[in-house]
PDB file of all heavy atoms in Angstrom:
ATOM      1  N   PHE A   1      45.980  53.917 138.516  1.00  0.00           N
ATOM      2  CA  PHE A   1      47.232  53.234 139.000  1.00  0.00           C
ATOM      3  C   PHE A   1      48.043  54.062 139.868  1.00  0.00           C
ATOM      4  O   PHE A   1      48.490  53.692 140.986  1.00  0.00           O
ATOM      5  CB  PHE A   1      48.061  52.780 137.795  1.00  0.00           C
ATOM      6  CG  PHE A   1      49.409  52.148 138.184  1.00  0.00           C
ATOM      7  CD1 PHE A   1      49.436  50.845 138.503  1.00  0.00           C
ATOM      8  CD2 PHE A   1      50.580  52.997 138.153  1.00  0.00           C
ATOM      9  CE1 PHE A   1      50.697  50.290 138.943  1.00  0.00           C
ATOM     10  CE2 PHE A   1      51.729  52.394 138.512  1.00  0.00           C
ATOM     11  CZ  PHE A   1      51.752  51.025 138.995  1.00  0.00           C
ATOM     12  N   GLU A   2      48.238  55.383 139.423  1.00  0.00           N
ATOM     13  CA  GLU A   2      49.011  56.331 140.278  1.00  0.00           C
ATOM     14  C   GLU A   2      48.390  56.619 141.546  1.00  0.00           C
ATOM     15  O   GLU A   2      49.119  56.751 142.648  1.00  0.00           O
ATOM     16  CB  GLU A   2      49.226  57.611 139.382  1.00  0.00           C
ATOM     17  CG  GLU A   2      50.046  57.595 138.124  1.00  0.00           C
ATOM     18  CD  GLU A   2      51.550  57.447 138.440  1.00  0.00           C
ATOM     19  OE1 GLU A   2      51.900  57.553 139.597  1.00  0.00           O
ATOM     20  OE2 GLU A   2      52.281  57.202 137.383  1.00  0.00           O
ATOM     21  N   ILE A   3      47.084  56.847 141.523  1.00  0.00           N
ATOM     22  CA  ILE A   3      46.286  57.217 142.788  1.00  0.00           C
ATOM     23  C   ILE A   3      46.442  56.053 143.632  1.00  0.00           C
ATOM     24  O   ILE A   3      46.550  56.229 144.928  1.00  0.00           O
ATOM     25  CB  ILE A   3      44.937  57.532 142.425  1.00  0.00           C
ATOM     26  CG1 ILE A   3      44.791  58.982 141.686  1.00  0.00           C
ATOM     27  CG2 ILE A   3      44.052  57.473 143.565  1.00  0.00           C
ATOM     28  CD1 ILE A   3      43.487  59.312 141.113  1.00  0.00           C
ATOM     29  N   LYS A   4      46.225  54.771 143.285  1.00  0.00           N
ATOM     30  CA  LYS A   4      46.323  53.634 144.227  1.00  0.00           C
ATOM     31  C   LYS A   4      47.689  53.516 144.770  1.00  0.00           C
ATOM     32  O   LYS A   4      47.864  53.146 145.916  1.00  0.00           O
ATOM     33  CB  LYS A   4      45.968  52.371 143.459  1.00  0.00           C
ATOM     34  CG  LYS A   4      44.507  52.243 143.147  1.00  0.00           C
ATOM     35  CD  LYS A   4      44.218  50.800 142.518  1.00  0.00           C
ATOM     36  CE  LYS A   4      42.765  50.588 142.417  1.00  0.00           C
ATOM     37  NZ  LYS A   4      42.411  49.251 141.824  1.00  0.00           N
ATOM     38  N   GLN A   5      48.723  53.897 143.927  1.00  0.00           N
ATOM     39  CA  GLN A   5      50.073  53.782 144.436  1.00  0.00           C
ATOM     40  C   GLN A   5      50.254  54.784 145.612  1.00  0.00           C
ATOM     41  O   GLN A   5      50.900  54.498 146.609  1.00  0.00           O
ATOM     42  CB  GLN A   5      51.041  54.040 143.302  1.00  0.00           C
ATOM     43  CG  GLN A   5      52.421  53.824 143.775  1.00  0.00           C
ATOM     44  CD  GLN A   5      52.790  52.345 144.065  1.00  0.00           C
ATOM     45  OE1 GLN A   5      52.551  51.511 143.264  1.00  0.00           O
ATOM     46  NE2 GLN A   5      53.343  52.140 145.285  1.00  0.00           N
ATOM     47  N   MET A   6      49.764  55.956 145.357  1.00  0.00           N
ATOM     48  CA  MET A   6      49.904  57.004 146.392  1.00  0.00           C
ATOM     49  C   MET A   6      49.104  56.668 147.684  1.00  0.00           C
ATOM     50  O   MET A   6      49.702  56.906 148.806  1.00  0.00           O
ATOM     51  CB  MET A   6      49.512  58.407 145.885  1.00  0.00           C
ATOM     52  CG  MET A   6      50.375  59.015 144.796  1.00  0.00           C
ATOM     53  SD  MET A   6      50.006  60.738 144.405  1.00  0.00           S
ATOM     54  CE  MET A   6      50.578  61.507 145.806  1.00  0.00           C
ATOM     55  N   LEU A   7      47.925  56.161 147.495  1.00  0.00           N
ATOM     56  CA  LEU A   7      47.152  55.756 148.618  1.00  0.00           C
ATOM     57  C   LEU A   7      47.898  54.661 149.443  1.00  0.00           C
ATOM     58  O   LEU A   7      48.007  54.755 150.711  1.00  0.00           O
ATOM     59  CB  LEU A   7      45.855  55.127 148.281  1.00  0.00           C
ATOM     60  CG  LEU A   7      44.816  56.044 147.704  1.00  0.00           C
ATOM     61  CD1 LEU A   7      43.679  55.324 147.054  1.00  0.00           C
ATOM     62  CD2 LEU A   7      44.391  57.121 148.770  1.00  0.00           C
ATOM     63  N   SER A   8      48.607  53.732 148.708  1.00  0.00           N
ATOM     64  CA  SER A   8      49.350  52.774 149.525  1.00  0.00           C
ATOM     65  C   SER A   8      50.631  53.361 150.200  1.00  0.00           C
ATOM     66  O   SER A   8      50.901  52.992 151.275  1.00  0.00           O
ATOM     67  CB  SER A   8      49.884  51.772 148.388  1.00  0.00           C
ATOM     68  OG  SER A   8      50.772  50.826 148.948  1.00  0.00           O
ATOM     69  N   ASN A   9      51.272  54.359 149.527  1.00  0.00           N
ATOM     70  CA  ASN A   9      52.343  54.947 150.161  1.00  0.00           C
ATOM     71  C   ASN A   9      51.943  55.757 151.397  1.00  0.00           C
ATOM     72  O   ASN A   9      52.723  55.800 152.439  1.00  0.00           O
ATOM     73  CB  ASN A   9      53.030  55.976 149.180  1.00  0.00           C
ATOM     74  CG  ASN A   9      53.826  55.239 148.093  1.00  0.00           C
ATOM     75  OD1 ASN A   9      54.094  54.051 148.171  1.00  0.00           O
ATOM     76  ND2 ASN A   9      54.086  55.923 147.004  1.00  0.00           N
ATOM     77  N   PHE A  10      50.763  56.290 151.357  1.00  0.00           N
ATOM     78  CA  PHE A  10      50.323  57.127 152.503  1.00  0.00           C
ATOM     79  C   PHE A  10      49.699  56.106 153.557  1.00  0.00           C
ATOM     80  O   PHE A  10      49.260  56.623 154.647  1.00  0.00           O
ATOM     81  CB  PHE A  10      49.235  58.174 152.223  1.00  0.00           C
ATOM     82  CG  PHE A  10      49.774  59.329 151.313  1.00  0.00           C
ATOM     83  CD1 PHE A  10      49.207  59.825 150.311  1.00  0.00           C
ATOM     84  CD2 PHE A  10      51.043  59.833 151.682  1.00  0.00           C
ATOM     85  CE1 PHE A  10      49.723  60.905 149.577  1.00  0.00           C
ATOM     86  CE2 PHE A  10      51.594  60.932 151.001  1.00  0.00           C
ATOM     87  CZ  PHE A  10      50.872  61.446 149.952  1.00  0.00           C
ATOM     88  N   LYS A  11      49.391  54.923 153.183  1.00  0.00           N
ATOM     89  CA  LYS A  11      48.696  53.967 154.090  1.00  0.00           C
ATOM     90  C   LYS A  11      47.284  54.414 154.357  1.00  0.00           C
ATOM     91  O   LYS A  11      46.806  54.343 155.523  1.00  0.00           O
ATOM     92  CB  LYS A  11      49.419  53.722 155.375  1.00  0.00           C
ATOM     93  CG  LYS A  11      50.861  53.003 155.038  1.00  0.00           C
ATOM     94  CD  LYS A  11      51.705  52.680 156.330  1.00  0.00           C
ATOM     95  CE  LYS A  11      52.960  52.109 156.084  1.00  0.00           C
ATOM     96  NZ  LYS A  11      53.711  51.835 157.316  1.00  0.00           N
ATOM     97  N   ILE A  12      46.594  54.811 153.405  1.00  0.00           N
ATOM     98  CA  ILE A  12      45.242  55.342 153.630  1.00  0.00           C
ATOM     99  C   ILE A  12      44.298  54.655 152.530  1.00  0.00           C
ATOM    100  O   ILE A  12      44.786  54.094 151.499  1.00  0.00           O
ATOM    101  CB  ILE A  12      45.061  56.801 153.486  1.00  0.00           C
ATOM    102  CG1 ILE A  12      45.493  57.388 152.073  1.00  0.00           C
ATOM    103  CG2 ILE A  12      45.820  57.517 154.661  1.00  0.00           C
ATOM    104  CD1 ILE A  12      45.270  58.853 151.848  1.00  0.00           C
ATOM    105  N   ASN A  13      42.986  54.796 152.695  1.00  0.00           N
ATOM    106  CA  ASN A  13      42.068  54.101 151.724  1.00  0.00           C
ATOM    107  C   ASN A  13      41.519  55.112 150.688  1.00  0.00           C
ATOM    108  O   ASN A  13      41.177  54.593 149.643  1.00  0.00           O
ATOM    109  CB  ASN A  13      40.993  53.528 152.494  1.00  0.00           C
ATOM    110  CG  ASN A  13      41.327  52.420 153.439  1.00  0.00           C
ATOM    111  OD1 ASN A  13      42.175  51.545 153.110  1.00  0.00           O
ATOM    112  ND2 ASN A  13      40.774  52.379 154.646  1.00  0.00           N
ATOM    113  N   SER A  14      41.411  56.317 151.009  1.00  0.00           N
ATOM    114  CA  SER A  14      40.919  57.334 149.991  1.00  0.00           C
ATOM    115  C   SER A  14      41.462  58.727 150.286  1.00  0.00           C
ATOM    116  O   SER A  14      41.910  59.016 151.351  1.00  0.00           O
ATOM    117  CB  SER A  14      39.341  57.334 150.108  1.00  0.00           C
ATOM    118  OG  SER A  14      38.994  57.945 151.372  1.00  0.00           O
ATOM    119  N   PHE A  15      41.364  59.475 149.166  1.00  0.00           N
ATOM    120  CA  PHE A  15      41.649  60.853 149.269  1.00  0.00           C
ATOM    121  C   PHE A  15      40.559  61.746 149.594  1.00  0.00           C
ATOM    122  O   PHE A  15      39.421  61.354 149.080  1.00  0.00           O
ATOM    123  CB  PHE A  15      42.344  61.343 147.889  1.00  0.00           C
ATOM    124  CG  PHE A  15      43.684  60.831 147.685  1.00  0.00           C
ATOM    125  CD1 PHE A  15      44.036  59.980 146.681  1.00  0.00           C
ATOM    126  CD2 PHE A  15      44.782  61.338 148.526  1.00  0.00           C
ATOM    127  CE1 PHE A  15      45.290  59.516 146.563  1.00  0.00           C
ATOM    128  CE2 PHE A  15      45.997  60.817 148.380  1.00  0.00           C
ATOM    129  CZ  PHE A  15      46.336  59.959 147.340  1.00  0.00           C
ATOM    130  N   TYR A  16      40.716  62.878 150.183  1.00  0.00           N
ATOM    131  CA  TYR A  16      39.581  63.698 150.526  1.00  0.00           C
ATOM    132  C   TYR A  16      39.136  64.347 149.167  1.00  0.00           C
ATOM    133  O   TYR A  16      37.818  64.491 149.076  1.00  0.00           O
ATOM    134  CB  TYR A  16      40.094  64.881 151.458  1.00  0.00           C
ATOM    135  CG  TYR A  16      39.061  65.921 151.617  1.00  0.00           C
ATOM    136  CD1 TYR A  16      37.866  65.700 152.568  1.00  0.00           C
ATOM    137  CD2 TYR A  16      38.974  67.116 151.022  1.00  0.00           C
ATOM    138  CE1 TYR A  16      37.062  66.668 152.757  1.00  0.00           C
ATOM    139  CE2 TYR A  16      38.095  68.240 151.369  1.00  0.00           C
ATOM    140  CZ  TYR A  16      37.065  67.867 152.019  1.00  0.00           C
ATOM    141  OH  TYR A  16      36.113  68.920 152.318  1.00  0.00           O
ATOM    142  N   ALA A  17      39.957  64.625 148.297  1.00  0.00           N
ATOM    143  CA  ALA A  17      39.617  65.253 146.965  1.00  0.00           C
ATOM    144  C   ALA A  17      40.670  65.085 145.918  1.00  0.00           C
ATOM    145  O   ALA A  17      41.792  65.046 146.335  1.00  0.00           O
ATOM    146  CB  ALA A  17      39.240  66.722 147.217  1.00  0.00           C
ATOM    147  N   VAL A  18      40.181  65.034 144.668  1.00  0.00           N
ATOM    148  CA  VAL A  18      41.146  65.107 143.609  1.00  0.00           C
ATOM    149  C   VAL A  18      40.894  66.360 142.680  1.00  0.00           C
ATOM    150  O   VAL A  18      39.646  66.642 142.544  1.00  0.00           O
ATOM    151  CB  VAL A  18      41.033  63.913 142.755  1.00  0.00           C
ATOM    152  CG1 VAL A  18      39.603  63.676 142.112  1.00  0.00           C
ATOM    153  CG2 VAL A  18      42.040  63.825 141.611  1.00  0.00           C
ATOM    154  N   LEU A  19      41.939  66.987 142.377  1.00  0.00           N
ATOM    155  CA  LEU A  19      41.786  68.241 141.670  1.00  0.00           C
ATOM    156  C   LEU A  19      42.461  68.102 140.232  1.00  0.00           C
ATOM    157  O   LEU A  19      43.525  67.560 140.132  1.00  0.00           O
ATOM    158  CB  LEU A  19      42.463  69.479 142.366  1.00  0.00           C
ATOM    159  CG  LEU A  19      41.952  69.801 143.789  1.00  0.00           C
ATOM    160  CD1 LEU A  19      42.819  71.064 144.243  1.00  0.00           C
ATOM    161  CD2 LEU A  19      40.426  69.918 143.921  1.00  0.00           C
ATOM    162  N   LEU A  20      41.765  68.563 139.199  1.00  0.00           N
ATOM    163  CA  LEU A  20      42.317  68.697 137.902  1.00  0.00           C
ATOM    164  C   LEU A  20      43.337  69.789 137.819  1.00  0.00           C
ATOM    165  O   LEU A  20      43.005  70.929 138.150  1.00  0.00           O
ATOM    166  CB  LEU A  20      41.272  68.915 136.912  1.00  0.00           C
ATOM    167  CG  LEU A  20      41.609  69.148 135.485  1.00  0.00           C
ATOM    168  CD1 LEU A  20      42.286  67.821 134.874  1.00  0.00           C
ATOM    169  CD2 LEU A  20      40.496  69.524 134.505  1.00  0.00           C
ATOM    170  N   HIS A  21      44.635  69.453 137.470  1.00  0.00           N
ATOM    171  CA  HIS A  21      45.662  70.364 137.467  1.00  0.00           C
ATOM    172  C   HIS A  21      46.024  70.614 135.926  1.00  0.00           C
ATOM    173  O   HIS A  21      45.654  69.843 135.086  1.00  0.00           O
ATOM    174  CB  HIS A  21      46.887  69.720 138.097  1.00  0.00           C
ATOM    175  CG  HIS A  21      47.954  70.817 138.511  1.00  0.00           C
ATOM    176  ND1 HIS A  21      49.240  70.486 138.725  1.00  0.00           N
ATOM    177  CD2 HIS A  21      47.817  72.048 138.816  1.00  0.00           C
ATOM    178  CE1 HIS A  21      49.854  71.553 139.095  1.00  0.00           C
ATOM    179  NE2 HIS A  21      49.085  72.483 139.098  1.00  0.00           N
ATOM    180  N   ASP A  22      46.542  71.838 135.803  1.00  0.00           N
ATOM    181  CA  ASP A  22      46.901  72.172 134.446  1.00  0.00           C
ATOM    182  C   ASP A  22      45.814  72.120 133.360  1.00  0.00           C
ATOM    183  O   ASP A  22      45.771  71.329 132.461  1.00  0.00           O
ATOM    184  CB  ASP A  22      48.108  71.274 133.929  1.00  0.00           C
ATOM    185  CG  ASP A  22      48.767  71.804 132.652  1.00  0.00           C
ATOM    186  OD1 ASP A  22      48.561  72.992 132.197  1.00  0.00           O
ATOM    187  OD2 ASP A  22      49.308  71.023 131.961  1.00  0.00           O
ATOM    188  N   SER A  23      44.833  73.032 133.708  1.00  0.00           N
ATOM    189  CA  SER A  23      43.597  72.901 132.853  1.00  0.00           C
ATOM    190  C   SER A  23      43.472  73.935 131.670  1.00  0.00           C
ATOM    191  O   SER A  23      42.498  74.240 131.221  1.00  0.00           O
ATOM    192  CB  SER A  23      42.382  73.153 133.739  1.00  0.00           C
ATOM    193  OG  SER A  23      42.377  74.392 134.366  1.00  0.00           O
ATOM    194  N   LYS A  24      44.673  74.557 131.270  1.00  0.00           N
ATOM    195  CA  LYS A  24      44.686  75.565 130.217  1.00  0.00           C
ATOM    196  C   LYS A  24      44.468  74.802 128.924  1.00  0.00           C
ATOM    197  O   LYS A  24      44.975  73.716 128.703  1.00  0.00           O
ATOM    198  CB  LYS A  24      45.977  76.293 130.223  1.00  0.00           C
ATOM    199  CG  LYS A  24      46.293  77.074 131.475  1.00  0.00           C
ATOM    200  CD  LYS A  24      47.696  77.709 131.333  1.00  0.00           C
ATOM    201  CE  LYS A  24      47.955  78.512 132.582  1.00  0.00           C
ATOM    202  NZ  LYS A  24      49.270  79.185 132.586  1.00  0.00           N
ATOM    203  N   LYS A  25      43.673  75.452 128.061  1.00  0.00           N
ATOM    204  CA  LYS A  25      43.455  75.000 126.586  1.00  0.00           C
ATOM    205  C   LYS A  25      43.000  73.566 126.529  1.00  0.00           C
ATOM    206  O   LYS A  25      43.403  72.832 125.701  1.00  0.00           O
ATOM    207  CB  LYS A  25      44.784  75.172 125.879  1.00  0.00           C
ATOM    208  CG  LYS A  25      45.342  76.611 125.738  1.00  0.00           C
ATOM    209  CD  LYS A  25      46.663  76.714 125.040  1.00  0.00           C
ATOM    210  CE  LYS A  25      47.162  78.074 124.997  1.00  0.00           C
ATOM    211  NZ  LYS A  25      48.442  78.223 124.179  1.00  0.00           N
ATOM    212  N   LEU A  26      42.150  73.174 127.400  1.00  0.00           N
ATOM    213  CA  LEU A  26      41.512  71.913 127.340  1.00  0.00           C
ATOM    214  C   LEU A  26      40.281  71.956 126.434  1.00  0.00           C
ATOM    215  O   LEU A  26      39.659  72.924 126.150  1.00  0.00           O
ATOM    216  CB  LEU A  26      41.095  71.356 128.697  1.00  0.00           C
ATOM    217  CG  LEU A  26      42.107  71.143 129.853  1.00  0.00           C
ATOM    218  CD1 LEU A  26      41.483  70.562 131.004  1.00  0.00           C
ATOM    219  CD2 LEU A  26      43.232  70.254 129.220  1.00  0.00           C
ATOM    220  N   LYS A  27      40.061  70.732 125.740  1.00  0.00           N
ATOM    221  CA  LYS A  27      38.779  70.616 124.893  1.00  0.00           C
ATOM    222  C   LYS A  27      37.704  69.952 125.668  1.00  0.00           C
ATOM    223  O   LYS A  27      37.914  69.337 126.764  1.00  0.00           O
ATOM    224  CB  LYS A  27      39.304  69.888 123.618  1.00  0.00           C
ATOM    225  CG  LYS A  27      40.386  70.584 122.779  1.00  0.00           C
ATOM    226  CD  LYS A  27      40.746  69.760 121.586  1.00  0.00           C
ATOM    227  CE  LYS A  27      41.819  70.476 120.755  1.00  0.00           C
ATOM    228  NZ  LYS A  27      42.271  69.636 119.677  1.00  0.00           N
ATOM    229  N   LYS A  28      36.565  69.886 125.030  1.00  0.00           N
ATOM    230  CA  LYS A  28      35.462  69.286 125.578  1.00  0.00           C
ATOM    231  C   LYS A  28      35.692  67.906 126.102  1.00  0.00           C
ATOM    232  O   LYS A  28      35.348  67.469 127.201  1.00  0.00           O
ATOM    233  CB  LYS A  28      34.221  69.387 124.694  1.00  0.00           C
ATOM    234  CG  LYS A  28      33.034  68.687 125.179  1.00  0.00           C
ATOM    235  CD  LYS A  28      31.858  68.784 124.218  1.00  0.00           C
ATOM    236  CE  LYS A  28      30.660  67.976 124.660  1.00  0.00           C
ATOM    237  NZ  LYS A  28      29.444  68.001 123.617  1.00  0.00           N
ATOM    238  N   ASP A  29      36.349  67.196 125.183  1.00  0.00           N
ATOM    239  CA  ASP A  29      36.641  65.709 125.467  1.00  0.00           C
ATOM    240  C   ASP A  29      37.632  65.558 126.674  1.00  0.00           C
ATOM    241  O   ASP A  29      37.408  64.578 127.480  1.00  0.00           O
ATOM    242  CB  ASP A  29      37.278  65.056 124.211  1.00  0.00           C
ATOM    243  CG  ASP A  29      36.301  64.858 123.028  1.00  0.00           C
ATOM    244  OD1 ASP A  29      35.124  64.971 123.408  1.00  0.00           O
ATOM    245  OD2 ASP A  29      36.748  64.484 121.913  1.00  0.00           O
ATOM    246  N   ASP A  30      38.453  66.484 126.894  1.00  0.00           N
ATOM    247  CA  ASP A  30      39.362  66.504 128.126  1.00  0.00           C
ATOM    248  C   ASP A  30      38.510  66.595 129.395  1.00  0.00           C
ATOM    249  O   ASP A  30      38.762  65.774 130.313  1.00  0.00           O
ATOM    250  CB  ASP A  30      40.366  67.539 128.077  1.00  0.00           C
ATOM    251  CG  ASP A  30      41.317  67.432 126.866  1.00  0.00           C
ATOM    252  OD1 ASP A  30      41.682  66.231 126.529  1.00  0.00           O
ATOM    253  OD2 ASP A  30      41.573  68.439 126.177  1.00  0.00           O
ATOM    254  N   TYR A  31      37.621  67.616 129.371  1.00  0.00           N
ATOM    255  CA  TYR A  31      36.728  67.806 130.619  1.00  0.00           C
ATOM    256  C   TYR A  31      35.912  66.457 130.797  1.00  0.00           C
ATOM    257  O   TYR A  31      35.831  66.031 132.018  1.00  0.00           O
ATOM    258  CB  TYR A  31      35.824  68.922 130.474  1.00  0.00           C
ATOM    259  CG  TYR A  31      36.519  70.292 130.354  1.00  0.00           C
ATOM    260  CD1 TYR A  31      36.437  70.935 129.122  1.00  0.00           C
ATOM    261  CD2 TYR A  31      37.270  70.820 131.361  1.00  0.00           C
ATOM    262  CE1 TYR A  31      37.166  72.241 128.962  1.00  0.00           C
ATOM    263  CE2 TYR A  31      37.958  72.011 131.192  1.00  0.00           C
ATOM    264  CZ  TYR A  31      37.899  72.765 130.013  1.00  0.00           C
ATOM    265  OH  TYR A  31      38.539  73.824 129.821  1.00  0.00           O
TER     266      TYR A  31
END
């Protein structure tokens, strides 16, 4: 939902890349 909203705000169809942010202390299920 958030990504589609940002794409709409930028008036584009897709992002070049998405990066996982704040990856400290993640568990297997998170990855």
